[in-house]
Amino acid sequence: MDCRNLVEPGALVAHFQAHPPEGFAPVAGLAAPAFEAPFDLLTTADDAFKARLRRLPLYQHWSRWLRVRTGFVGTTVTEYAPLPGAAAAPAASDPPGTQRSAAGFAREVRRVLGGRFRLAIVKDIPQDSPLLSDADNAYARALAQACADEGFLLVEGQALAYVPIDFASIDAYLARLSPSRRQNLRRKLRSRAEVAVQVLPTGSPALDDGRIAAYYALYEGVYAQSEVHFDRLTPAFFSALLRDAEAGGVVFEYRRRSTGALLGWNLCYRHQGRLVDKYIGLAYPDARALNLYFVSWVENLEYALREGLTHYVAGWTDPEVKRSLGARFTFTRHAVYVRQPVLRALARRLVRHFESDRQWHEAT
């Protein structure tokens, strides 16, 4: 499938479609990847709003109605929604002989997903991303406007963190941080002496069944500690990723130097001259005690420096921590179609409670 907006290898999309998360299923009939899944409407709500709802009478009885089978355009393994590329066939509503237009695609999503599901979402539409081409950003702007014209609600999405590799050394990178943050990070990095790092390309014979099972167990530990439980990825998905020698994957494996015990792992991809961080597994409580999150951050920056890469793309979670580490941010929007008109009007009044990353960024 020809797609725009990919900052990671297209193989991730293929593996996602072949091995979807638990409870997910691919949806056919669109010119871009799509899936259906159960969706808790409070997944991205701010804490104060969720607390107010939980105090309402009989919440434990009616809250189950907040979980809705939803149709999504996009994936949960790409930074942005893969959207129709230049070679995509035009929609039926596009003029004959033209490329797939943003307006035609918006109408197609409303017809295919909006007609089948009570809730349809085009997730992670980029907003003038510095990681994408001018053409991709222009299409994303046009799609957001076309979705709004079709009755979709535009909701501010999450903050994607990235670090331009425009420094000559880690010391130069550290010098950009405030004195207090630099001192704090240096203190956390003292534990590097206790950690042995091995770098393995995906497809390496060393990534056998036993190692992959150990990695998956650590991924589940991170998933269990996460505040958001949406896409629980499967062992088959990780097995496919870790055995794919063609996708440019790089595994950073961390072990305690004194015992060889596995402390954690981090799967990144070299793509388009960047290092794109995708998945991490951590052995609690040892990984926390050894500040492995911060150790892996600097390890990734050093790798990008050595390899002459232009950016480290650090993902969506923990924006406050990533800002303290010198990350910059770019945002997305979600286009949300609520089929029932009364609920659509209610959603418009409540949208501000689902834009916490943007509000955090504007307040800092």
Protein backbone atom coordinates (compact mmCIF):
# COMPACT_ATOMS: atom_id res chain seq x y z
CA MET A 1 0.00 0.00 0.00
CA ASP A 2 1.41 3.39 -1.05
CA CYS A 3 1.39 5.66 2.04
CA ARG A 4 2.50 9.10 3.13
CA ASN A 5 3.88 10.17 6.52
CA LEU A 6 6.03 7.18 7.42
CA VAL A 7 9.05 8.09 9.55
CA GLU A 8 9.67 4.40 10.20
CA PRO A 9 9.96 1.43 7.80
CA GLY A 10 6.78 0.31 6.12
CA ALA A 11 7.50 -3.17 7.48
CA LEU A 12 6.04 -2.07 10.83
CA VAL A 13 2.70 -1.43 9.16
CA ALA A 14 2.80 -4.84 7.49
CA HIS A 15 3.64 -6.60 10.76
CA PHE A 16 0.88 -4.65 12.56
CA GLN A 17 -1.66 -5.78 9.98
CA ALA A 18 -0.46 -9.39 10.09
CA HIS A 19 -0.25 -9.51 13.90
CA PRO A 20 -2.65 -6.89 15.31
CA PRO A 21 -2.83 -6.12 19.04
CA GLU A 22 -5.24 -8.08 21.22
CA GLY A 23 -8.83 -7.25 20.33
CA PHE A 24 -7.88 -5.41 17.13
CA ALA A 25 -8.86 -6.37 13.58
CA PRO A 26 -7.86 -4.83 10.22
CA VAL A 27 -10.53 -2.97 8.28
CA ALA A 28 -10.51 -3.22 4.50
CA GLY A 29 -12.00 -0.87 1.94
CA LEU A 30 -9.86 2.25 2.48
CA ALA A 31 -6.80 3.58 0.66
CA ALA A 32 -4.81 3.63 3.93
CA PRO A 33 -4.31 1.19 6.82
CA ALA A 34 -7.31 1.00 9.14
CA PHE A 35 -8.43 -1.16 12.06
CA GLU A 36 -11.25 -1.63 14.52
CA ALA A 37 -10.78 -1.96 18.26
CA PRO A 38 -12.58 -1.46 21.57
CA PHE A 39 -11.88 2.10 22.69
CA ASP A 40 -12.33 3.60 26.15
CA LEU A 41 -13.52 7.16 25.50
CA LEU A 42 -11.57 8.38 28.54
CA THR A 43 -8.22 7.07 27.25
CA THR A 44 -6.84 10.53 26.50
CA ALA A 45 -8.99 12.55 28.92
CA ASP A 46 -7.26 14.72 31.50
CA ASP A 47 -7.09 13.43 35.07
CA ALA A 48 -9.39 16.09 36.51
CA PHE A 49 -12.16 15.30 34.03
CA LYS A 50 -11.88 11.56 34.69
CA ALA A 51 -12.03 12.17 38.43
CA ARG A 52 -15.20 14.26 38.05
CA LEU A 53 -16.90 11.51 36.06
CA ARG A 54 -15.94 8.84 38.59
CA ARG A 55 -17.66 10.81 41.34
CA LEU A 56 -20.99 10.80 39.50
CA PRO A 57 -23.75 8.51 40.84
CA LEU A 58 -23.68 4.89 39.67
CA TYR A 59 -20.50 5.45 37.64
CA GLN A 60 -19.49 1.80 38.08
CA HIS A 61 -22.69 0.74 36.31
CA TRP A 62 -22.93 3.16 33.39
CA SER A 63 -19.19 3.56 32.72
CA ARG A 64 -19.18 0.39 30.62
CA TRP A 65 -21.01 2.39 27.94
CA LEU A 66 -17.87 4.51 27.58
CA ARG A 67 -16.13 1.58 25.89
CA VAL A 68 -17.05 1.69 22.20
CA ARG A 69 -16.06 -0.46 19.23
CA THR A 70 -14.36 2.13 17.05
CA GLY A 71 -13.01 2.31 13.51
CA PHE A 72 -9.58 3.93 13.13
CA VAL A 73 -7.53 5.13 10.19
CA GLY A 74 -3.88 4.66 11.11
CA THR A 75 -1.95 2.22 13.25
CA THR A 76 -0.57 2.15 16.78
CA VAL A 77 2.97 1.39 15.56
CA THR A 78 3.62 4.47 13.41
CA GLU A 79 4.26 7.99 14.64
CA TYR A 80 1.71 9.38 12.18
CA ALA A 81 -1.31 7.98 10.38
CA PRO A 82 -0.14 6.47 7.08
CA LEU A 83 -2.29 8.35 4.55
CA PRO A 84 -2.88 7.67 0.84
CA GLY A 85 0.23 8.23 -1.24
CA ALA A 86 0.58 9.78 -4.66
CA ALA A 87 0.00 6.42 -6.36
CA ALA A 88 -3.26 5.68 -4.50
CA ALA A 89 -6.25 5.19 -6.78
CA PRO A 90 -8.75 8.07 -6.69
CA ALA A 91 -11.91 7.80 -4.65
CA ALA A 92 -15.22 7.40 -6.49
CA SER A 93 -16.03 11.03 -5.64
CA ASP A 94 -12.76 12.39 -7.08
CA PRO A 95 -12.75 13.84 -10.60
CA PRO A 96 -11.77 11.26 -13.25
CA GLY A 97 -8.06 11.03 -13.95
CA THR A 98 -6.95 12.74 -10.70
CA GLN A 99 -4.89 11.50 -7.78
CA ARG A 100 -6.56 10.57 -4.51
CA SER A 101 -7.63 13.91 -2.99
CA ALA A 102 -7.80 14.71 0.71
CA ALA A 103 -11.47 15.61 0.32
CA GLY A 104 -12.21 12.32 -1.43
CA PHE A 105 -10.43 10.36 1.28
CA ALA A 106 -12.31 12.21 4.06
CA ARG A 107 -15.62 11.34 2.39
CA GLU A 108 -14.47 7.74 2.01
CA VAL A 109 -13.61 7.48 5.73
CA ARG A 110 -16.97 8.91 6.74
CA ARG A 111 -18.77 6.47 4.43
CA VAL A 112 -16.77 3.31 5.28
CA LEU A 113 -16.01 3.80 8.96
CA GLY A 114 -18.71 6.32 9.89
CA GLY A 115 -21.34 4.10 8.35
CA ARG A 116 -20.17 1.02 10.23
CA PHE A 117 -19.09 2.32 13.65
CA ARG A 118 -20.63 4.75 16.13
CA LEU A 119 -17.20 6.37 16.39
CA ALA A 120 -14.60 6.77 13.63
CA ILE A 121 -11.17 8.35 14.14
CA VAL A 122 -8.39 9.36 11.79
CA LYS A 123 -5.61 9.26 14.36
CA ASP A 124 -2.32 11.15 14.47
CA ILE A 125 -2.66 13.57 11.55
CA PRO A 126 0.60 15.55 11.56
CA GLN A 127 0.65 19.31 12.05
CA ASP A 128 3.49 20.86 10.03
CA SER A 129 5.92 18.21 11.20
CA PRO A 130 9.65 18.96 10.76
CA LEU A 131 10.08 15.22 10.20
CA LEU A 132 7.97 15.14 7.02
CA SER A 133 8.16 16.58 3.52
CA ASP A 134 6.30 19.72 2.46
CA ALA A 135 4.03 17.58 0.30
CA ASP A 136 3.08 15.28 3.18
CA ASN A 137 2.41 18.22 5.48
CA ALA A 138 0.29 19.92 2.83
CA TYR A 139 -1.81 16.76 2.37
CA ALA A 140 -2.26 16.47 6.14
CA ARG A 141 -3.49 20.06 6.37
CA ALA A 142 -5.90 19.47 3.50
CA LEU A 143 -7.18 16.26 5.09
CA ALA A 144 -7.80 17.91 8.45
CA GLN A 145 -9.82 20.65 6.76
CA ALA A 146 -11.69 18.13 4.60
CA CYS A 147 -12.57 16.08 7.69
CA ALA A 148 -13.86 19.21 9.44
CA ASP A 149 -15.98 19.95 6.36
CA GLU A 150 -17.42 16.42 6.61
CA GLY A 151 -18.49 16.94 10.25
CA PHE A 152 -15.46 15.46 12.00
CA LEU A 153 -14.29 17.06 15.22
CA LEU A 154 -10.58 17.99 15.26
CA VAL A 155 -8.91 17.12 18.57
CA GLU A 156 -5.34 18.06 19.48
CA GLY A 157 -3.18 14.95 19.79
CA GLN A 158 -0.04 14.02 21.65
CA ALA A 159 3.40 15.61 21.70
CA LEU A 160 5.96 13.69 19.60
CA ALA A 161 9.47 14.22 21.00
CA TYR A 162 12.57 14.45 18.84
CA VAL A 163 16.17 15.61 19.21
CA PRO A 164 18.10 17.03 16.24
CA ILE A 165 21.63 15.62 16.25
CA ASP A 166 23.21 19.02 15.70
CA PHE A 167 25.87 18.71 18.39
CA ALA A 168 29.36 17.28 18.02
CA SER A 169 29.56 15.30 21.26
CA ILE A 170 27.53 14.24 24.29
CA ASP A 171 29.35 16.88 26.30
CA ALA A 172 28.11 19.50 23.82
CA TYR A 173 24.58 18.08 24.16
CA LEU A 174 24.79 18.23 27.96
CA ALA A 175 26.03 21.81 27.81
CA ARG A 176 22.67 22.84 26.30
CA LEU A 177 20.73 21.68 29.35
CA SER A 178 20.17 23.95 32.32
CA PRO A 179 22.78 23.56 35.09
CA SER A 180 20.34 21.76 37.38
CA ARG A 181 19.17 19.36 34.66
CA ARG A 182 22.73 18.73 33.51
CA GLN A 183 23.81 17.94 37.06
CA ASN A 184 20.82 15.66 37.60
CA LEU A 185 21.44 13.74 34.38
CA ARG A 186 25.16 13.31 35.10
CA ARG A 187 24.24 11.90 38.49
CA LYS A 188 21.82 9.41 36.94
CA LEU A 189 24.41 8.35 34.36
CA ARG A 190 26.90 7.20 37.00
CA SER A 191 25.13 3.84 36.87
CA ARG A 192 26.45 3.29 33.30
CA ALA A 193 29.53 1.71 34.87
CA GLU A 194 27.28 -1.10 36.13
CA VAL A 195 25.55 -1.70 32.79
CA ALA A 196 26.83 -3.68 29.81
CA VAL A 197 25.31 -2.76 26.43
CA GLN A 198 25.08 -4.97 23.37
CA VAL A 199 23.77 -3.74 20.02
CA LEU A 200 22.05 -6.36 17.84
CA PRO A 201 20.53 -5.87 14.39
CA THR A 202 17.07 -7.33 13.93
CA GLY A 203 17.34 -10.68 12.20
CA SER A 204 20.46 -11.57 14.19
CA PRO A 205 20.74 -15.30 15.04
CA ALA A 206 21.24 -14.19 18.65
CA LEU A 207 17.57 -13.13 18.72
CA ASP A 208 16.31 -16.68 19.26
CA ASP A 209 13.05 -17.86 20.83
CA GLY A 210 14.36 -17.65 24.37
CA ARG A 211 15.67 -14.13 24.00
CA ILE A 212 12.50 -12.90 22.31
CA ALA A 213 10.38 -14.43 25.09
CA ALA A 214 12.53 -12.66 27.69
CA TYR A 215 12.13 -9.37 25.83
CA TYR A 216 8.36 -9.81 25.66
CA ALA A 217 8.14 -10.43 29.40
CA LEU A 218 9.90 -7.10 30.02
CA TYR A 219 7.61 -5.33 27.52
CA GLU A 220 4.62 -6.64 29.47
CA GLY A 221 6.14 -5.23 32.66
CA VAL A 222 6.29 -1.76 31.08
CA TYR A 223 2.77 -2.15 29.67
CA ALA A 224 1.40 -3.08 33.09
CA GLN A 225 2.89 0.08 34.62
CA SER A 226 1.57 2.36 31.88
CA GLU A 227 -1.37 4.65 32.64
CA VAL A 228 -2.84 4.03 29.17
CA HIS A 229 -3.80 0.49 28.19
CA PHE A 230 -4.96 0.60 24.59
CA ASP A 231 -2.87 -1.65 22.35
CA ARG A 232 -1.39 -4.71 23.99
CA LEU A 233 0.99 -6.00 21.36
CA THR A 234 1.38 -9.74 20.92
CA PRO A 235 4.36 -12.11 21.11
CA ALA A 236 3.85 -12.88 17.40
CA PHE A 237 4.21 -9.19 16.53
CA PHE A 238 7.48 -8.81 18.42
CA SER A 239 8.79 -12.06 17.01
CA ALA A 240 8.11 -10.78 13.49
CA LEU A 241 9.82 -7.45 14.21
CA LEU A 242 12.87 -8.92 15.87
CA ARG A 243 13.39 -11.52 13.11
CA ASP A 244 13.00 -9.01 10.27
CA ALA A 245 16.54 -8.49 8.95
CA GLU A 246 15.48 -6.09 6.19
CA ALA A 247 13.75 -3.34 8.16
CA GLY A 248 16.80 -1.66 9.69
CA GLY A 249 15.95 -2.49 13.29
CA VAL A 250 18.56 -2.05 16.03
CA VAL A 251 18.18 -3.65 19.47
CA PHE A 252 20.02 -2.14 22.41
CA GLU A 253 20.26 -4.80 25.10
CA TYR A 254 21.19 -3.90 28.68
CA ARG A 255 22.58 -6.34 31.24
CA ARG A 256 24.01 -5.98 34.71
CA ARG A 257 27.73 -6.12 34.19
CA SER A 258 28.46 -8.14 37.36
CA THR A 259 25.88 -10.90 36.82
CA GLY A 260 24.78 -10.79 33.19
CA ALA A 261 21.14 -10.42 34.28
CA LEU A 262 18.90 -8.83 31.64
CA LEU A 263 17.90 -5.31 32.71
CA GLY A 264 16.13 -4.09 29.62
CA TRP A 265 16.05 -3.71 25.85
CA ASN A 266 15.12 -0.98 23.39
CA LEU A 267 14.13 -1.49 19.74
CA CYS A 268 14.90 1.43 17.40
CA TYR A 269 14.98 1.77 13.62
CA ARG A 270 17.43 3.46 11.31
CA HIS A 271 15.27 5.03 8.64
CA GLN A 272 15.64 8.08 6.39
CA GLY A 273 18.84 9.03 8.19
CA ARG A 274 17.20 9.08 11.63
CA LEU A 275 17.05 6.83 14.68
CA VAL A 276 13.41 6.15 15.54
CA ASP A 277 12.72 4.77 19.02
CA LYS A 278 9.86 2.27 19.09
CA TYR A 279 9.71 -0.21 21.97
CA ILE A 280 11.31 -0.72 25.34
CA GLY A 281 11.24 -3.43 27.97
CA LEU A 282 12.52 -2.90 31.52
CA ALA A 283 13.16 -5.27 34.42
CA TYR A 284 11.68 -3.58 37.47
CA PRO A 285 12.87 -2.64 40.06
CA ASP A 286 16.51 -3.01 38.93
CA ALA A 287 16.08 -0.93 35.76
CA ARG A 288 14.67 1.93 37.79
CA ALA A 289 17.39 1.69 40.41
CA LEU A 290 20.05 1.90 37.68
CA ASN A 291 18.28 4.78 35.88
CA LEU A 292 18.11 2.66 32.73
CA TYR A 293 15.65 5.00 30.99
CA PHE A 294 18.23 7.81 31.12
CA VAL A 295 21.12 5.49 30.30
CA SER A 296 19.28 4.28 27.18
CA TRP A 297 18.45 7.86 26.15
CA VAL A 298 22.13 8.84 26.10
CA GLU A 299 23.10 5.51 24.51
CA ASN A 300 20.71 6.25 21.66
CA LEU A 301 22.09 9.76 21.20
CA GLU A 302 25.65 8.40 21.11
CA TYR A 303 24.66 5.80 18.52
CA ALA A 304 23.05 8.48 16.34
CA LEU A 305 26.20 10.59 16.64
CA ARG A 306 28.50 7.69 15.70
CA GLU A 307 26.37 6.77 12.71
CA GLY A 308 26.00 10.31 11.38
CA LEU A 309 22.20 10.36 11.78
CA THR A 310 20.25 13.61 11.75
CA HIS A 311 17.59 13.05 14.42
CA TYR A 312 16.63 10.88 17.34
CA VAL A 313 12.83 10.45 17.29
CA ALA A 314 11.89 9.61 20.86
CA GLY A 315 8.15 8.89 20.74
CA TRP A 316 4.99 10.07 22.47
CA THR A 317 5.16 9.21 26.15
CA ASP A 318 6.59 11.13 29.14
CA PRO A 319 6.82 14.57 27.49
CA GLU A 320 7.83 16.31 30.72
CA VAL A 321 10.81 14.00 31.18
CA LYS A 322 11.82 14.30 27.53
CA ARG A 323 11.63 18.08 27.68
CA SER A 324 14.02 17.99 30.65
CA LEU A 325 16.37 16.00 28.41
CA GLY A 326 16.36 18.65 25.69
CA ALA A 327 13.72 17.21 23.34
CA ARG A 328 11.66 19.32 20.99
CA PHE A 329 8.03 18.54 20.16
CA THR A 330 5.69 18.41 17.22
CA PHE A 331 1.96 17.74 17.51
CA THR A 332 -0.79 15.83 15.78
CA ARG A 333 -4.54 16.10 15.47
CA HIS A 334 -7.20 13.41 15.52
CA ALA A 335 -10.26 13.76 13.30
CA VAL A 336 -13.20 12.23 15.21
CA TYR A 337 -16.57 11.43 13.65
CA VAL A 338 -19.44 10.75 16.07
CA ARG A 339 -22.31 9.25 14.13
CA GLN A 340 -25.11 10.26 16.54
CA PRO A 341 -25.81 14.02 16.15
CA VAL A 342 -26.66 14.71 19.83
CA LEU A 343 -23.49 12.96 21.02
CA ARG A 344 -21.53 14.83 18.32
CA ALA A 345 -22.70 18.15 19.76
CA LEU A 346 -21.81 17.01 23.28
CA ALA A 347 -18.35 15.95 22.12
CA ARG A 348 -17.69 19.44 20.75
CA ARG A 349 -18.37 20.92 24.19
CA LEU A 350 -16.03 18.46 25.95
CA VAL A 351 -13.10 18.40 23.52
CA ARG A 352 -10.82 20.58 25.69
CA HIS A 353 -10.65 17.77 28.26
CA PHE A 354 -8.87 15.54 25.71
CA GLU A 355 -6.02 17.87 24.72
CA SER A 356 -3.77 17.68 27.77
CA ASP A 357 -0.44 17.46 25.90
CA ARG A 358 -1.13 20.66 23.95
CA GLN A 359 -2.28 22.46 27.09
CA TRP A 360 0.83 21.28 28.95
CA HIS A 361 3.07 22.49 26.15
CA GLU A 362 1.43 25.92 25.94
CA ALA A 363 1.63 26.36 29.72
CA THR A 364 5.38 25.62 29.94
